[in-house]
C-alpha cells in the first residue's frame, strides 16, 4: 500500500514538473503556441471582466457570448466599480472552496498543493473563467456523492448548474425516484432561474427567444466557425479538424498538419455545408454515447465508475470543452490517486486511468497548426488531437468495466 502511495505521489509530481516545463520553457521560447500567454500578454483575466459588459446587454440576438441566466442577472445588477476587487473575491473564494472541500474529504496535503499547481487551475485563473467557481461547487457535489450524502450532493450540483448549465448531465447520477422525492428543491431551482430572467426582462418569451438566438450565433461562431478550436478538448474539435483537413481536402495525416491556413475562396459554400453535415453526424453520435453513459450509470453500483463515465461524457460530447473544464478531469485524477486502495476496481484499470488522465491534464500546446477554415484563420494545437482520443479510450474502457461487472455477477 505504501509503495503504491509513493508511486502515485511521484506520478502527480511528474505531471506538475512537466506542466511547468511546458508553460515556462516552451512558452518562453515561443515554441508553438504560447500556452500561458494569457498571464503575460493580452487577454489576461478577460473571461471575468467581459462579464461586466455582456451582463449589461444580454440576452442580445446579435451576440454570440454565452452566460447562464443567473450570471446575466448577477452582472446586470452588480456595481461596475471596484472590478478588480470583485475579481480577487471571485478567485480567492473559489480557491478557498476547493481547499476546504479537499481538506474535508481528507485529501493528503501534498496532493492539495499539487492540485493548485496544476495546469487546469492555473489556466482558469489566468482567464478568470467562471468554470473555476462552478467546478468548486461540482467538487463538493462529487465528494458528497461518493460519501452517499445524496441530498447535500444534489444541492451543490444545482448551484454548479446555475453557474454552468453544461454540468446538467451530472443530474443523471441520481435515480429518478430520488429526484421526484426532491421535487421541492428542483422547483426552487426553477424559480431561481425564472427570477433571474425577470430581473433582466418581464417579457419571458422575448428573453427565451433572444437567448436561443444567442445560442445559434454561438454555434455559428464557435462550433461551425473557428472560435472554439483552440484549447478545445471535445471530440468535435478532433472530428472537425479531420473532416476539413483530411476528408474534405483530401490530405493525408502529415499533410493535414501542415495544410494552408484558409481554404480556397471558391470552395467557401461547399466547406460550410460540409461542416454542417459533419456537425449533424457528430450530434447523432454524441446522443448515442450520452444514452449509453446514462444507461450504464444506472447499471453499475460503483459510484467511482459513475462519476468517471459522466465526467468523461460531458467533456467529450459538448462541442466546446475548453481547458477550464479539465478541472473536472483533474478532480477524477486526484480521487483515483487519493482513494486508490478504496476503489473496488481492478488495479490495471486504475493505473490505466491515472496514466491517461495524467496525459490529458498536462498542456500540450507546443505544436500548432491550422484548421482549414473556409473564411478565417483558425489555429489549433496537438493538445486538441491527443486529449479527445485519450478521453474516448478512457470512456470506452470504463464502459467495458461496467459490462464486465454485470456479466461477472450474472
Protein backbone atom coordinates (compact mmCIF):
# COMPACT_ATOMS: atom_id res chain seq x y z
CA UNK A 1 0.00 0.00 0.00
CA UNK A 2 2.83 2.42 0.94
CA UNK A 3 4.64 1.51 -2.28
CA UNK A 4 1.59 2.34 -4.39
CA UNK A 5 1.01 5.56 -2.48
CA UNK A 6 4.58 6.67 -3.20
CA UNK A 7 4.21 5.75 -6.87
CA UNK A 8 1.01 7.79 -7.14
CA UNK A 9 2.72 10.75 -5.49
CA UNK A 10 5.60 10.61 -7.97
CA UNK A 11 3.16 10.41 -10.86
CA UNK A 12 1.41 13.58 -9.62
CA UNK A 13 4.74 15.37 -9.06
CA UNK A 14 5.87 14.37 -12.59
CA UNK A 15 2.65 15.81 -14.05
CA UNK A 16 3.31 19.16 -12.36
CA UNK A 17 7.00 19.24 -13.32
CA UNK A 18 6.19 18.54 -16.99
CA UNK A 19 3.39 21.12 -16.84
CA UNK A 20 5.73 23.86 -15.66
CA UNK A 21 8.39 22.82 -18.17
CA UNK A 22 5.86 23.26 -20.96
CA UNK A 23 4.49 26.51 -19.57
CA UNK A 24 7.73 28.29 -18.68
CA UNK A 25 10.37 26.85 -21.00
CA UNK A 26 8.47 26.18 -24.20
CA UNK A 27 6.17 29.18 -23.73
CA UNK A 28 9.12 31.48 -23.02
CA UNK A 29 10.92 30.47 -26.22
CA UNK A 30 7.69 30.65 -28.23
CA UNK A 31 7.91 27.03 -29.36
CA UNK A 32 4.49 26.50 -30.85
CA UNK A 33 1.61 28.35 -29.29
CA UNK A 34 2.49 30.32 -26.11
CA UNK A 35 0.07 28.35 -23.95
CA UNK A 36 0.31 30.54 -20.90
CA UNK A 37 0.36 33.79 -22.82
CA UNK A 38 -2.85 34.89 -21.12
CA UNK A 39 -0.82 35.50 -17.96
CA UNK A 40 1.72 37.76 -19.66
CA UNK A 41 0.06 39.07 -22.81
CA UNK A 42 -3.29 40.44 -23.95
CA UNK A 43 -6.37 38.58 -22.78
CA UNK A 44 -5.34 38.26 -19.15
CA UNK A 45 -8.46 37.64 -16.97
CA UNK A 46 -10.70 38.61 -19.91
CA UNK A 47 -13.38 35.99 -19.26
CA UNK A 48 -14.20 37.56 -15.90
CA UNK A 49 -14.08 41.23 -16.89
CA UNK A 50 -16.03 40.64 -20.12
CA UNK A 51 -18.96 39.53 -17.97
CA UNK A 52 -19.48 43.10 -16.73
CA UNK A 53 -20.00 44.33 -20.29
CA UNK A 54 -22.09 41.44 -21.59
CA UNK A 55 -24.12 41.16 -18.40
CA UNK A 56 -25.48 44.63 -19.20
CA UNK A 57 -26.56 43.85 -22.77
CA UNK A 58 -27.55 40.15 -22.80
CA UNK A 59 -29.62 38.42 -23.95
CA UNK A 60 -28.96 40.11 -27.26
CA UNK A 61 -29.93 38.32 -30.51
CA UNK A 62 -26.88 39.82 -32.24
CA UNK A 63 -24.34 38.48 -29.73
CA UNK A 64 -22.63 35.08 -29.54
CA UNK A 65 -21.27 35.48 -25.98
CA UNK A 66 -22.95 32.93 -23.69
CA UNK A 67 -23.70 33.26 -19.98
CA UNK A 68 -26.19 31.41 -17.81
CA UNK A 69 -29.40 33.31 -16.87
CA UNK A 70 -28.09 33.51 -13.30
CA UNK A 71 -24.83 35.16 -14.38
CA UNK A 72 -26.60 37.56 -16.74
CA UNK A 73 -28.81 38.71 -13.86
CA UNK A 74 -25.89 38.88 -11.43
CA UNK A 75 -23.70 41.01 -13.69
CA UNK A 76 -26.71 43.12 -14.63
CA UNK A 77 -27.09 44.35 -11.05
CA UNK A 78 -23.59 44.12 -9.59
CA UNK A 79 -21.82 47.51 -9.49
CA UNK A 80 -19.08 48.00 -12.07
CA UNK A 81 -16.85 49.90 -9.66
CA UNK A 82 -14.01 48.03 -7.96
CA UNK A 83 -13.95 45.32 -10.64
CA UNK A 84 -10.51 44.11 -9.66
CA UNK A 85 -11.56 43.69 -6.02
CA UNK A 86 -14.52 41.63 -7.21
CA UNK A 87 -12.14 39.59 -9.35
CA UNK A 88 -9.94 38.89 -6.31
CA UNK A 89 -13.00 37.86 -4.28
CA UNK A 90 -14.02 35.53 -7.12
CA UNK A 91 -10.56 33.91 -7.32
CA UNK A 92 -9.90 33.54 -3.60
CA UNK A 93 -13.42 32.38 -2.73
CA UNK A 94 -13.18 29.72 -5.46
CA UNK A 95 -9.78 28.55 -4.25
CA UNK A 96 -10.99 28.51 -0.64
CA UNK A 97 -13.96 26.30 -1.58
CA UNK A 98 -11.56 23.89 -3.29
CA UNK A 99 -9.20 23.89 -0.32
CA UNK A 100 -11.95 23.42 2.24
CA UNK A 101 -13.54 20.60 0.21
CA UNK A 102 -10.24 18.79 -0.34
CA UNK A 103 -9.41 19.10 3.35
CA UNK A 104 -12.82 17.76 4.44
CA UNK A 105 -12.50 14.83 2.07
CA UNK A 106 -9.12 14.12 3.72
CA UNK A 107 -7.03 14.59 0.61
CA UNK A 108 -3.34 14.45 1.50
CA UNK A 109 -1.72 17.87 1.94
CA UNK A 110 0.90 17.24 -0.73
CA UNK A 111 -1.88 16.36 -3.20
CA UNK A 112 -3.72 19.58 -2.32
CA UNK A 113 -0.60 21.62 -3.07
CA UNK A 114 -0.07 19.83 -6.37
CA UNK A 115 -3.76 20.31 -7.22
CA UNK A 116 -3.40 24.09 -7.01
CA UNK A 117 -0.23 23.99 -9.13
CA UNK A 118 -1.91 22.03 -11.92
CA UNK A 119 -2.50 23.42 -15.41
CA UNK A 120 -6.35 23.39 -15.35
CA UNK A 121 -6.39 25.54 -12.18
CA UNK A 122 -3.68 27.93 -13.40
CA UNK A 123 -5.30 28.29 -16.83
CA UNK A 124 -8.73 29.02 -15.30
CA UNK A 125 -7.23 31.67 -13.02
CA UNK A 126 -5.34 33.25 -15.92
CA UNK A 127 -8.59 33.63 -17.85
CA UNK A 128 -10.76 34.44 -14.85
CA UNK A 129 -13.27 31.91 -16.16
CA UNK A 130 -16.45 31.11 -14.24
CA UNK A 131 -15.63 27.39 -14.55
CA UNK A 132 -13.21 27.93 -11.68
CA UNK A 133 -16.14 28.67 -9.35
CA UNK A 134 -18.62 26.27 -10.98
CA UNK A 135 -16.20 23.35 -10.61
CA UNK A 136 -15.53 24.26 -6.97
CA UNK A 137 -19.20 23.51 -6.26
CA UNK A 138 -19.00 20.48 -8.52
CA UNK A 139 -16.19 19.02 -6.41
CA UNK A 140 -18.40 19.32 -3.28
CA UNK A 141 -21.14 17.55 -5.21
CA UNK A 142 -18.76 14.74 -6.24
CA UNK A 143 -17.29 14.25 -2.75
CA UNK A 144 -20.74 14.08 -1.15
CA UNK A 145 -21.96 11.74 -3.88
CA UNK A 146 -19.06 9.39 -3.19
CA UNK A 147 -19.94 9.51 0.52
CA UNK A 148 -23.60 8.73 -0.43
CA UNK A 149 -24.83 12.03 1.04
CA UNK A 150 -27.18 12.48 -1.92
CA UNK A 151 -29.34 15.29 -0.51
CA UNK A 152 -26.35 17.54 0.09
CA UNK A 153 -24.79 16.43 -3.19
CA UNK A 154 -27.83 17.47 -5.24
CA UNK A 155 -27.89 20.95 -3.68
CA UNK A 156 -24.32 21.71 -4.73
CA UNK A 157 -24.82 20.25 -8.20
CA UNK A 158 -27.74 22.63 -8.77
CA UNK A 159 -25.58 25.58 -7.68
CA UNK A 160 -22.93 24.46 -10.17
CA UNK A 161 -25.56 24.20 -12.93
CA UNK A 162 -26.77 27.75 -12.14
CA UNK A 163 -23.28 28.95 -12.99
CA UNK A 164 -22.52 26.48 -15.80
CA UNK A 165 -25.53 24.75 -17.41
CA UNK A 166 -23.19 22.29 -19.20
CA UNK A 167 -22.94 20.44 -15.85
CA UNK A 168 -26.60 19.41 -16.22
CA UNK A 169 -25.66 15.91 -17.42
CA UNK A 170 -24.47 15.07 -13.88
CA UNK A 171 -28.14 15.05 -12.82
CA UNK A 172 -28.34 11.54 -14.32
CA UNK A 173 -26.14 10.27 -11.49
CA UNK A 174 -29.29 10.38 -9.35
CA UNK A 175 -32.10 7.88 -9.66
CA UNK A 176 -35.39 9.16 -10.97
CA UNK A 177 -37.21 8.29 -7.72
CA UNK A 178 -34.73 10.36 -5.73
CA UNK A 179 -35.27 13.38 -7.99
CA UNK A 180 -39.05 13.03 -7.64
CA UNK A 181 -38.62 12.91 -3.87
CA UNK A 182 -36.60 16.14 -4.08
CA UNK A 183 -39.11 17.88 -6.33
CA UNK A 184 -39.27 20.83 -3.94
CA UNK A 185 -35.55 21.52 -4.37
CA UNK A 186 -35.81 21.23 -8.15
CA UNK A 187 -38.79 23.59 -8.12
CA UNK A 188 -36.76 26.14 -6.13
CA UNK A 189 -34.02 25.79 -8.77
CA UNK A 190 -36.60 26.54 -11.47
CA UNK A 191 -37.93 29.58 -9.55
CA UNK A 192 -34.40 30.96 -9.10
CA UNK A 193 -33.83 30.76 -12.86
CA UNK A 194 -37.20 32.38 -13.53
CA UNK A 195 -36.39 35.22 -11.12
CA UNK A 196 -33.06 35.70 -12.89
CA UNK A 197 -34.94 36.12 -16.16
CA UNK A 198 -37.44 38.55 -14.59
CA UNK A 199 -34.63 40.69 -13.17
CA UNK A 200 -33.50 41.26 -16.76
CA UNK A 201 -36.85 41.36 -18.55
CA UNK A 202 -40.52 40.87 -17.67
CA UNK A 203 -41.10 39.59 -21.19
CA UNK A 204 -40.05 35.97 -20.57
CA UNK A 205 -40.91 34.83 -24.11
CA UNK A 206 -38.74 37.54 -25.66
CA UNK A 207 -35.90 36.69 -23.25
CA UNK A 208 -36.03 32.99 -24.17
CA UNK A 209 -36.28 33.80 -27.89
CA UNK A 210 -33.22 36.07 -27.73
CA UNK A 211 -31.34 33.52 -25.62
CA UNK A 212 -31.86 30.81 -28.25
CA UNK A 213 -30.77 33.24 -30.99
CA UNK A 214 -27.58 33.78 -28.99
CA UNK A 215 -27.08 30.01 -28.83
CA UNK A 216 -27.48 29.87 -32.61
CA UNK A 217 -24.91 32.67 -33.01
CA UNK A 218 -22.59 30.84 -30.61
CA UNK A 219 -22.88 27.69 -32.75
CA UNK A 220 -22.05 29.68 -35.89
CA UNK A 221 -19.08 31.47 -34.30
CA UNK A 222 -17.56 28.76 -32.09
CA UNK A 223 -18.80 25.36 -33.27
CA UNK A 224 -19.09 25.83 -37.04
CA UNK A 225 -16.70 28.79 -37.02
CA UNK A 226 -13.22 28.74 -35.53
CA UNK A 227 -13.81 30.50 -32.20
CA UNK A 228 -13.76 27.29 -30.17
CA UNK A 229 -11.00 25.36 -31.95
CA UNK A 230 -8.07 26.46 -29.78
CA UNK A 231 -7.91 24.88 -26.27
CA UNK A 232 -10.79 22.52 -27.17
CA UNK A 233 -10.86 19.02 -25.63
CA UNK A 234 -14.16 17.94 -27.16
CA UNK A 235 -14.25 15.11 -29.69
CA UNK A 236 -15.86 17.64 -32.06
CA UNK A 237 -12.58 19.58 -32.25
CA UNK A 238 -10.72 16.47 -33.43
CA UNK A 239 -13.54 15.42 -35.76
CA UNK A 240 -13.83 18.91 -37.28
CA UNK A 241 -10.09 19.01 -37.99
CA UNK A 242 -10.18 15.52 -39.52
CA UNK A 243 -13.28 16.35 -41.57
CA UNK A 244 -11.90 19.59 -43.06
CA UNK A 245 -8.15 18.92 -43.25
CA UNK A 246 -8.33 15.26 -44.34
CA UNK A 247 -11.76 14.13 -45.52
CA UNK A 248 -12.85 17.36 -47.29
CA UNK A 249 -9.41 18.49 -48.50
CA UNK A 250 -8.08 15.03 -49.45
CA UNK A 251 -4.84 15.37 -47.41
CA UNK A 252 -3.07 12.58 -45.56
CA UNK A 253 -2.33 12.97 -41.83
CA UNK A 254 1.03 14.73 -42.21
CA UNK A 255 -0.23 16.99 -44.99
CA UNK A 256 -3.20 17.89 -42.77
CA UNK A 257 -0.83 19.14 -40.05
CA UNK A 258 0.91 21.48 -42.49
CA UNK A 259 -2.14 22.49 -44.52
CA UNK A 260 -2.66 26.13 -45.62
CA UNK A 261 -4.39 28.47 -43.20
CA UNK A 262 -7.51 29.10 -45.27
CA UNK A 263 -9.27 27.06 -47.94
CA UNK A 264 -9.50 28.49 -51.46
CA UNK A 265 -12.26 31.07 -51.81
CA UNK A 266 -14.03 29.03 -54.47
CA UNK A 267 -14.96 26.23 -52.03
CA UNK A 268 -16.44 28.54 -49.37
CA UNK A 269 -20.05 27.32 -49.71
CA UNK A 270 -19.07 23.66 -50.06
CA UNK A 271 -16.87 23.85 -46.95
CA UNK A 272 -19.60 25.44 -44.82
CA UNK A 273 -22.08 22.82 -46.00
CA UNK A 274 -19.53 20.11 -45.18
CA UNK A 275 -19.00 21.42 -41.63
CA UNK A 276 -22.77 21.47 -41.05
CA UNK A 277 -23.08 17.94 -42.40
CA UNK A 278 -20.24 16.69 -40.17
CA UNK A 279 -21.73 18.51 -37.16
CA UNK A 280 -25.11 16.89 -37.72
CA UNK A 281 -23.38 13.50 -37.83
CA UNK A 282 -21.38 14.33 -34.69
CA UNK A 283 -24.58 15.29 -32.83
CA UNK A 284 -26.16 11.92 -33.63
CA UNK A 285 -23.07 10.02 -32.47
CA UNK A 286 -22.94 12.18 -29.31
CA UNK A 287 -26.55 11.33 -28.44
CA UNK A 288 -25.75 7.62 -28.75
CA UNK A 289 -22.73 7.93 -26.41
CA UNK A 290 -24.68 10.07 -23.93
CA UNK A 291 -27.51 7.49 -23.92
CA UNK A 292 -25.01 4.65 -23.33
CA UNK A 293 -23.38 6.58 -20.47
CA UNK A 294 -26.75 7.23 -18.81
CA UNK A 295 -27.84 3.58 -19.12
CA UNK A 296 -24.53 2.23 -17.81
CA UNK A 297 -24.67 4.75 -14.98
CA UNK A 298 -27.90 3.10 -13.82
CA UNK A 299 -26.49 -0.42 -14.31
CA UNK A 300 -23.37 -0.05 -12.18
CA UNK A 301 -23.42 0.36 -8.41
CA UNK A 302 -19.84 1.62 -8.30
CA UNK A 303 -20.06 5.37 -7.60
CA UNK A 304 -16.48 5.94 -8.78
CA UNK A 305 -17.28 4.44 -12.19
CA UNK A 306 -20.44 6.55 -12.38
CA UNK A 307 -18.53 9.78 -11.76
CA UNK A 308 -15.80 8.84 -14.24
CA UNK A 309 -18.23 7.92 -17.04
CA UNK A 310 -20.43 11.02 -16.73
CA UNK A 311 -17.46 13.37 -16.38
CA UNK A 312 -15.75 11.99 -19.48
CA UNK A 313 -19.03 12.17 -21.40
CA UNK A 314 -19.61 15.84 -20.52
CA UNK A 315 -16.14 16.78 -21.79
CA UNK A 316 -16.16 14.67 -24.95
CA UNK A 317 -19.63 15.38 -26.28
CA UNK A 318 -20.06 19.08 -25.66
CA UNK A 319 -18.97 20.69 -28.95
CA UNK A 320 -16.75 23.10 -26.99
CA UNK A 321 -14.83 21.91 -23.91
CA UNK A 322 -12.09 24.44 -23.25
CA UNK A 323 -9.14 23.78 -20.95
CA UNK A 324 -11.01 25.25 -17.95
CA UNK A 325 -13.20 22.14 -17.96
CA UNK A 326 -10.12 19.98 -17.44
CA UNK A 327 -10.61 20.87 -13.77
CA UNK A 328 -13.28 18.15 -13.78
CA UNK A 329 -10.74 15.67 -15.20
CA UNK A 330 -8.25 16.83 -12.56
CA UNK A 331 -10.82 16.03 -9.84
CA UNK A 332 -11.19 12.45 -11.11
CA UNK A 333 -7.40 12.12 -11.35
CA UNK A 334 -7.00 13.33 -7.75
CA UNK A 335 -9.69 10.97 -6.42
CA UNK A 336 -8.13 7.98 -8.20
CA UNK A 337 -4.76 8.74 -6.64
CA UNK A 338 -6.04 9.57 -3.16
CA UNK A 339 -8.61 6.74 -2.89
CA UNK A 340 -6.56 4.19 -4.83
CA UNK A 341 -6.94 1.34 -2.29
CA UNK A 342 -10.60 2.11 -1.53
CA UNK A 343 -11.81 1.97 -5.13
CA UNK A 344 -13.14 -1.53 -5.81
CA UNK A 345 -11.98 -1.74 -9.43
CA UNK A 346 -9.11 -3.76 -10.91
CA UNK A 347 -5.69 -2.18 -10.35
CA UNK A 348 -4.90 -2.30 -14.05
CA UNK A 349 -7.93 -0.06 -14.75
CA UNK A 350 -6.96 2.41 -12.02
CA UNK A 351 -3.38 2.71 -13.24
CA UNK A 352 -4.54 2.96 -16.84
CA UNK A 353 -6.92 5.80 -15.92
CA UNK A 354 -4.25 7.59 -13.89
CA UNK A 355 -1.84 7.38 -16.85
CA UNK A 356 -4.42 8.58 -19.39
CA UNK A 357 -5.67 11.45 -17.21
CA UNK A 358 -2.06 12.46 -16.49
CA UNK A 359 -1.50 12.91 -20.22
CA UNK A 360 -4.76 14.87 -20.54
CA UNK A 361 -4.12 17.42 -17.77
CA UNK A 362 -0.58 18.17 -18.97
CA UNK A 363 -0.75 21.07 -21.51
CA UNK A 364 0.44 20.00 -24.97
CA UNK A 365 0.14 23.23 -26.96
CA UNK A 366 3.72 23.34 -28.20
CA UNK A 367 2.88 22.04 -31.70
CA UNK A 368 0.42 24.24 -33.54
CA UNK A 369 -1.18 24.08 -37.00
CA UNK A 370 -4.26 25.33 -38.86
CA UNK A 371 -7.77 24.05 -39.30
CA UNK A 372 -8.58 24.64 -42.97
CA UNK A 373 -11.41 27.05 -42.37
CA UNK A 374 -13.27 28.49 -45.39
CA UNK A 375 -13.24 32.08 -44.16
CA UNK A 376 -10.91 32.75 -41.21
CA UNK A 377 -7.58 31.83 -39.63
CA UNK A 378 -8.27 29.00 -37.17
CA UNK A 379 -5.26 27.91 -35.08
CA UNK A 380 -5.23 24.57 -33.28
CA UNK A 381 -2.65 22.63 -31.27
CA UNK A 382 -1.72 18.98 -30.84
CA UNK A 383 -3.48 19.11 -27.45
CA UNK A 384 -6.87 19.15 -29.22
CA UNK A 385 -5.99 15.98 -31.13
CA UNK A 386 -4.46 13.96 -28.28
CA UNK A 387 -6.90 14.75 -25.46
CA UNK A 388 -10.15 13.69 -27.19
CA UNK A 389 -8.54 10.39 -28.22
CA UNK A 390 -7.24 9.74 -24.70
CA UNK A 391 -10.60 10.60 -23.13
CA UNK A 392 -12.53 8.48 -25.64
CA UNK A 393 -10.29 5.46 -24.95
CA UNK A 394 -10.78 6.02 -21.20
CA UNK A 395 -14.57 6.21 -21.66
CA UNK A 396 -14.76 3.01 -23.74
CA UNK A 397 -12.56 1.14 -21.23
CA UNK A 398 -14.90 2.37 -18.45
CA UNK A 399 -17.87 1.04 -20.45
CA UNK A 400 -16.15 -2.34 -20.72
CA UNK A 401 -15.56 -2.49 -16.96
CA UNK A 402 -19.28 -1.91 -16.33
CA UNK A 403 -20.14 -4.69 -18.78
CA UNK A 404 -17.57 -6.96 -17.11
CA UNK A 405 -19.01 -6.09 -13.71
CA UNK A 406 -22.54 -7.05 -14.85
CA UNK A 407 -21.56 -10.26 -16.68
CA UNK A 408 -19.38 -11.43 -13.76
CA UNK A 409 -22.34 -11.03 -11.37
CA UNK A 410 -24.62 -12.92 -13.74
